[in-house]
């Protein structure tokens, strides 16, 4: 004769299991969010000319993309741009240049 598992006939054990499952689901959610955060490409900001050279894109093309907001870029002073290189490379891959 097989023994009946405790959870099958003890309501308190079922409540404990449900609480444990809920805690595990919450932990999984937190861990998945952390993994997604760690998988993101780190930011690497360079002056526009250096970023364009690094990405293999023409300077003027990179400048136009920055001005149009097609890549992450910010003005440094009145005339200079600083570019997030991974976004420039991603834009290049998207267009297969």
N, C-alpha and C. Protein backbone atom coordinates (compact mmCIF):
# COMPACT_ATOMS: atom_id res chain seq x y z
N UNK A 1 0.83 -1.17 0.00
CA UNK A 1 0.00 0.00 0.00
C UNK A 1 0.89 1.25 0.00
N UNK A 2 0.51 2.20 -0.82
CA UNK A 2 1.28 3.44 -0.94
C UNK A 2 0.78 4.48 0.06
N UNK A 3 1.74 5.22 0.60
CA UNK A 3 1.37 6.26 1.55
C UNK A 3 0.86 7.48 0.81
N UNK A 4 -0.14 8.11 1.37
CA UNK A 4 -0.69 9.34 0.77
C UNK A 4 0.23 10.50 1.16
N UNK A 5 0.68 11.27 0.18
CA UNK A 5 1.54 12.42 0.50
C UNK A 5 0.84 13.36 1.47
N UNK A 6 1.63 13.97 2.34
CA UNK A 6 1.07 14.86 3.36
C UNK A 6 0.23 15.98 2.75
N UNK A 7 0.69 16.55 1.63
CA UNK A 7 -0.01 17.67 1.01
C UNK A 7 -1.40 17.28 0.53
N UNK A 8 -1.60 16.00 0.24
CA UNK A 8 -2.88 15.57 -0.30
C UNK A 8 -3.99 15.59 0.74
N UNK A 9 -3.65 15.49 2.02
CA UNK A 9 -4.70 15.44 3.03
C UNK A 9 -4.55 16.48 4.13
N UNK A 10 -3.56 17.35 4.05
CA UNK A 10 -3.32 18.38 5.06
C UNK A 10 -3.49 19.77 4.45
N UNK A 11 -4.58 20.47 4.77
CA UNK A 11 -4.83 21.80 4.19
C UNK A 11 -3.72 22.81 4.51
N UNK A 12 -3.11 22.70 5.70
CA UNK A 12 -2.02 23.62 6.05
C UNK A 12 -0.82 23.44 5.13
N UNK A 13 -0.55 22.19 4.77
CA UNK A 13 0.57 21.92 3.86
C UNK A 13 0.30 22.54 2.49
N UNK A 14 -0.96 22.49 2.04
CA UNK A 14 -1.31 23.11 0.76
C UNK A 14 -1.09 24.61 0.79
N UNK A 15 -1.45 25.25 1.91
CA UNK A 15 -1.24 26.69 2.03
C UNK A 15 0.26 27.02 1.98
N UNK A 16 1.06 26.18 2.65
CA UNK A 16 2.51 26.39 2.63
C UNK A 16 3.05 26.25 1.20
N UNK A 17 2.55 25.27 0.48
CA UNK A 17 3.00 25.07 -0.90
C UNK A 17 2.63 26.26 -1.78
N UNK A 18 1.41 26.75 -1.61
CA UNK A 18 0.97 27.90 -2.40
C UNK A 18 1.83 29.14 -2.09
N UNK A 19 2.14 29.33 -0.81
CA UNK A 19 2.98 30.46 -0.43
C UNK A 19 4.39 30.30 -1.02
N UNK A 20 4.91 29.09 -0.98
CA UNK A 20 6.24 28.83 -1.54
C UNK A 20 6.26 29.07 -3.04
N UNK A 21 5.23 28.61 -3.72
CA UNK A 21 5.14 28.80 -5.17
C UNK A 21 5.07 30.28 -5.51
N UNK A 22 4.28 31.03 -4.75
CA UNK A 22 4.15 32.47 -4.96
C UNK A 22 5.52 33.16 -4.77
N UNK A 23 6.24 32.78 -3.71
CA UNK A 23 7.56 33.36 -3.46
C UNK A 23 8.54 33.02 -4.58
N UNK A 24 8.49 31.79 -5.05
CA UNK A 24 9.37 31.38 -6.14
C UNK A 24 9.07 32.15 -7.42
N UNK A 25 7.79 32.35 -7.72
CA UNK A 25 7.42 33.11 -8.91
C UNK A 25 7.92 34.55 -8.81
N UNK A 26 7.82 35.14 -7.62
CA UNK A 26 8.31 36.50 -7.43
C UNK A 26 9.83 36.56 -7.62
N UNK A 27 10.52 35.56 -7.07
CA UNK A 27 11.98 35.51 -7.21
C UNK A 27 12.38 35.35 -8.68
N UNK A 28 11.65 34.53 -9.41
CA UNK A 28 11.94 34.33 -10.84
C UNK A 28 11.75 35.63 -11.60
N UNK A 29 10.68 36.36 -11.30
CA UNK A 29 10.42 37.64 -11.96
C UNK A 29 11.56 38.62 -11.72
N UNK A 30 12.02 38.70 -10.47
CA UNK A 30 13.12 39.61 -10.12
C UNK A 30 14.39 39.19 -10.86
N UNK A 31 14.68 37.89 -10.87
CA UNK A 31 15.89 37.40 -11.53
C UNK A 31 15.84 37.61 -13.04
N UNK A 32 14.68 37.42 -13.65
CA UNK A 32 14.55 37.63 -15.10
C UNK A 32 14.79 39.10 -15.44
N UNK A 33 14.28 40.01 -14.61
CA UNK A 33 14.50 41.44 -14.84
C UNK A 33 15.99 41.77 -14.72
N UNK A 34 16.66 41.17 -13.77
CA UNK A 34 18.09 41.41 -13.59
C UNK A 34 18.90 40.88 -14.77
N UNK A 35 18.55 39.69 -15.25
CA UNK A 35 19.23 39.11 -16.41
C UNK A 35 19.05 40.02 -17.62
N UNK A 36 17.83 40.50 -17.84
CA UNK A 36 17.57 41.40 -18.98
C UNK A 36 18.42 42.66 -18.86
N UNK A 37 18.56 43.17 -17.65
CA UNK A 37 19.36 44.37 -17.43
C UNK A 37 20.84 44.09 -17.73
N UNK A 38 21.33 42.94 -17.32
CA UNK A 38 22.74 42.60 -17.55
C UNK A 38 23.04 42.32 -19.01
N UNK A 39 22.04 41.89 -19.77
CA UNK A 39 22.24 41.57 -21.18
C UNK A 39 22.25 42.81 -22.06
N UNK A 40 21.85 43.95 -21.53
CA UNK A 40 21.84 45.17 -22.32
C UNK A 40 23.27 45.59 -22.67
N UNK A 41 23.41 46.12 -23.86
CA UNK A 41 24.72 46.60 -24.30
C UNK A 41 25.10 47.84 -23.49
N UNK A 42 26.30 47.86 -22.95
CA UNK A 42 26.70 49.03 -22.17
C UNK A 42 26.85 50.26 -23.07
N UNK A 43 26.64 51.41 -22.49
CA UNK A 43 26.79 52.65 -23.25
C UNK A 43 28.27 52.96 -23.42
N UNK A 44 28.61 53.46 -24.58
CA UNK A 44 29.99 53.89 -24.87
C UNK A 44 29.87 55.18 -25.67
N UNK A 45 30.10 56.29 -25.02
CA UNK A 45 29.95 57.60 -25.65
C UNK A 45 31.30 58.08 -26.17
N UNK A 46 31.30 58.49 -27.43
CA UNK A 46 32.49 59.04 -28.07
C UNK A 46 32.11 60.29 -28.85
N UNK A 47 33.09 61.15 -29.14
CA UNK A 47 32.81 62.27 -30.04
C UNK A 47 32.34 61.72 -31.39
N UNK A 48 31.54 62.49 -32.08
CA UNK A 48 30.92 62.04 -33.33
C UNK A 48 31.93 61.48 -34.33
N UNK A 49 33.02 62.19 -34.54
CA UNK A 49 34.00 61.75 -35.54
C UNK A 49 34.59 60.39 -35.17
N UNK A 50 34.95 60.21 -33.90
CA UNK A 50 35.53 58.95 -33.45
C UNK A 50 34.49 57.83 -33.51
N UNK A 51 33.26 58.14 -33.15
CA UNK A 51 32.19 57.13 -33.18
C UNK A 51 31.92 56.68 -34.61
N UNK A 52 31.88 57.63 -35.53
CA UNK A 52 31.64 57.29 -36.94
C UNK A 52 32.76 56.40 -37.46
N UNK A 53 33.99 56.75 -37.13
CA UNK A 53 35.15 55.94 -37.57
C UNK A 53 35.06 54.54 -36.96
N UNK A 54 34.77 54.46 -35.68
CA UNK A 54 34.68 53.17 -34.98
C UNK A 54 33.59 52.28 -35.57
N UNK A 55 32.47 52.89 -35.97
CA UNK A 55 31.33 52.13 -36.50
C UNK A 55 31.45 51.88 -38.00
N UNK A 56 32.40 52.54 -38.65
CA UNK A 56 32.54 52.37 -40.10
C UNK A 56 31.45 53.08 -40.88
N UNK A 57 31.06 54.24 -40.37
CA UNK A 57 30.00 55.04 -41.00
C UNK A 57 30.62 56.38 -41.38
N UNK A 58 30.18 56.95 -42.48
CA UNK A 58 30.65 58.28 -42.85
C UNK A 58 30.27 59.30 -41.78
N UNK A 59 31.17 60.24 -41.54
CA UNK A 59 30.94 61.27 -40.53
C UNK A 59 29.62 61.99 -40.78
N UNK A 60 29.40 62.41 -42.02
CA UNK A 60 28.19 63.19 -42.35
C UNK A 60 26.93 62.36 -42.12
N UNK A 61 26.98 61.07 -42.44
CA UNK A 61 25.83 60.19 -42.20
C UNK A 61 25.52 60.12 -40.71
N UNK A 62 26.56 59.91 -39.90
CA UNK A 62 26.37 59.84 -38.45
C UNK A 62 25.83 61.16 -37.91
N UNK A 63 26.33 62.27 -38.45
CA UNK A 63 25.86 63.59 -38.00
C UNK A 63 24.38 63.78 -38.32
N UNK A 64 23.98 63.39 -39.52
CA UNK A 64 22.57 63.51 -39.90
C UNK A 64 21.68 62.63 -39.03
N UNK A 65 22.13 61.40 -38.74
CA UNK A 65 21.36 60.50 -37.87
C UNK A 65 21.23 61.09 -36.47
N UNK A 66 22.32 61.68 -35.98
CA UNK A 66 22.29 62.28 -34.65
C UNK A 66 21.31 63.45 -34.62
N UNK A 67 21.40 64.30 -35.63
CA UNK A 67 20.53 65.48 -35.71
C UNK A 67 19.06 65.09 -35.83
N UNK A 68 18.79 63.99 -36.55
CA UNK A 68 17.41 63.53 -36.74
C UNK A 68 16.89 62.70 -35.57
N UNK A 69 17.77 62.39 -34.61
CA UNK A 69 17.35 61.60 -33.46
C UNK A 69 17.27 60.11 -33.75
N UNK A 70 17.93 59.66 -34.79
CA UNK A 70 17.88 58.24 -35.17
C UNK A 70 18.88 57.39 -34.39
N UNK A 71 19.82 58.04 -33.71
CA UNK A 71 20.76 57.36 -32.82
C UNK A 71 20.82 58.16 -31.52
N UNK A 72 21.32 57.54 -30.46
CA UNK A 72 21.46 58.28 -29.20
C UNK A 72 22.66 59.20 -29.32
N UNK A 73 22.39 60.48 -29.23
CA UNK A 73 23.45 61.48 -29.33
C UNK A 73 23.05 62.69 -28.51
N UNK A 74 24.04 63.41 -28.07
CA UNK A 74 23.76 64.63 -27.31
C UNK A 74 24.78 65.69 -27.70
N UNK A 75 24.33 66.91 -27.61
CA UNK A 75 25.21 68.03 -27.94
C UNK A 75 26.16 68.28 -26.77
N UNK A 76 27.39 68.56 -27.13
CA UNK A 76 28.40 68.96 -26.15
C UNK A 76 28.84 70.35 -26.60
N UNK A 77 28.36 71.35 -25.91
CA UNK A 77 28.62 72.71 -26.36
C UNK A 77 27.68 73.05 -27.52
N UNK A 78 28.07 74.03 -28.32
CA UNK A 78 27.20 74.47 -29.42
C UNK A 78 27.40 73.67 -30.69
N UNK A 79 28.60 73.16 -30.92
CA UNK A 79 28.88 72.57 -32.22
C UNK A 79 29.23 71.09 -32.19
N UNK A 80 29.52 70.55 -31.06
CA UNK A 80 30.01 69.16 -31.01
C UNK A 80 28.90 68.19 -30.59
N UNK A 81 29.03 66.97 -31.10
CA UNK A 81 28.11 65.88 -30.75
C UNK A 81 28.88 64.78 -30.05
N UNK A 82 28.23 64.14 -29.09
CA UNK A 82 28.75 62.93 -28.47
C UNK A 82 27.73 61.84 -28.80
N UNK A 83 28.22 60.67 -29.22
CA UNK A 83 27.34 59.61 -29.73
C UNK A 83 27.51 58.34 -28.92
N UNK A 84 26.41 57.66 -28.64
CA UNK A 84 26.44 56.34 -28.02
C UNK A 84 26.76 55.34 -29.14
N UNK A 85 27.99 54.83 -29.15
CA UNK A 85 28.49 54.01 -30.26
C UNK A 85 27.62 52.78 -30.54
N UNK A 86 27.18 52.01 -29.53
CA UNK A 86 26.34 50.84 -29.85
C UNK A 86 25.06 51.18 -30.62
N UNK A 87 24.48 52.36 -30.36
CA UNK A 87 23.27 52.72 -31.11
C UNK A 87 23.61 53.07 -32.56
N UNK A 88 24.79 53.64 -32.77
CA UNK A 88 25.24 53.94 -34.13
C UNK A 88 25.49 52.64 -34.90
N UNK A 89 26.14 51.69 -34.25
CA UNK A 89 26.40 50.40 -34.90
C UNK A 89 25.10 49.64 -35.17
N UNK A 90 24.16 49.74 -34.24
CA UNK A 90 22.86 49.07 -34.43
C UNK A 90 22.11 49.67 -35.61
N UNK A 91 22.16 50.99 -35.74
CA UNK A 91 21.51 51.67 -36.86
C UNK A 91 22.15 51.23 -38.18
N UNK A 92 23.46 51.12 -38.19
CA UNK A 92 24.17 50.67 -39.39
C UNK A 92 23.74 49.25 -39.76
N UNK A 93 23.68 48.35 -38.76
CA UNK A 93 23.25 46.97 -39.03
C UNK A 93 21.81 46.93 -39.54
N UNK A 94 20.97 47.78 -38.97
CA UNK A 94 19.56 47.83 -39.38
C UNK A 94 19.44 48.17 -40.86
N UNK A 95 20.28 49.06 -41.32
CA UNK A 95 20.23 49.48 -42.72
C UNK A 95 21.17 48.68 -43.60
N UNK A 96 21.95 47.79 -42.98
CA UNK A 96 22.90 46.91 -43.70
C UNK A 96 23.82 47.70 -44.62
N UNK A 97 24.44 48.73 -44.06
CA UNK A 97 25.39 49.54 -44.82
C UNK A 97 26.76 48.90 -44.83
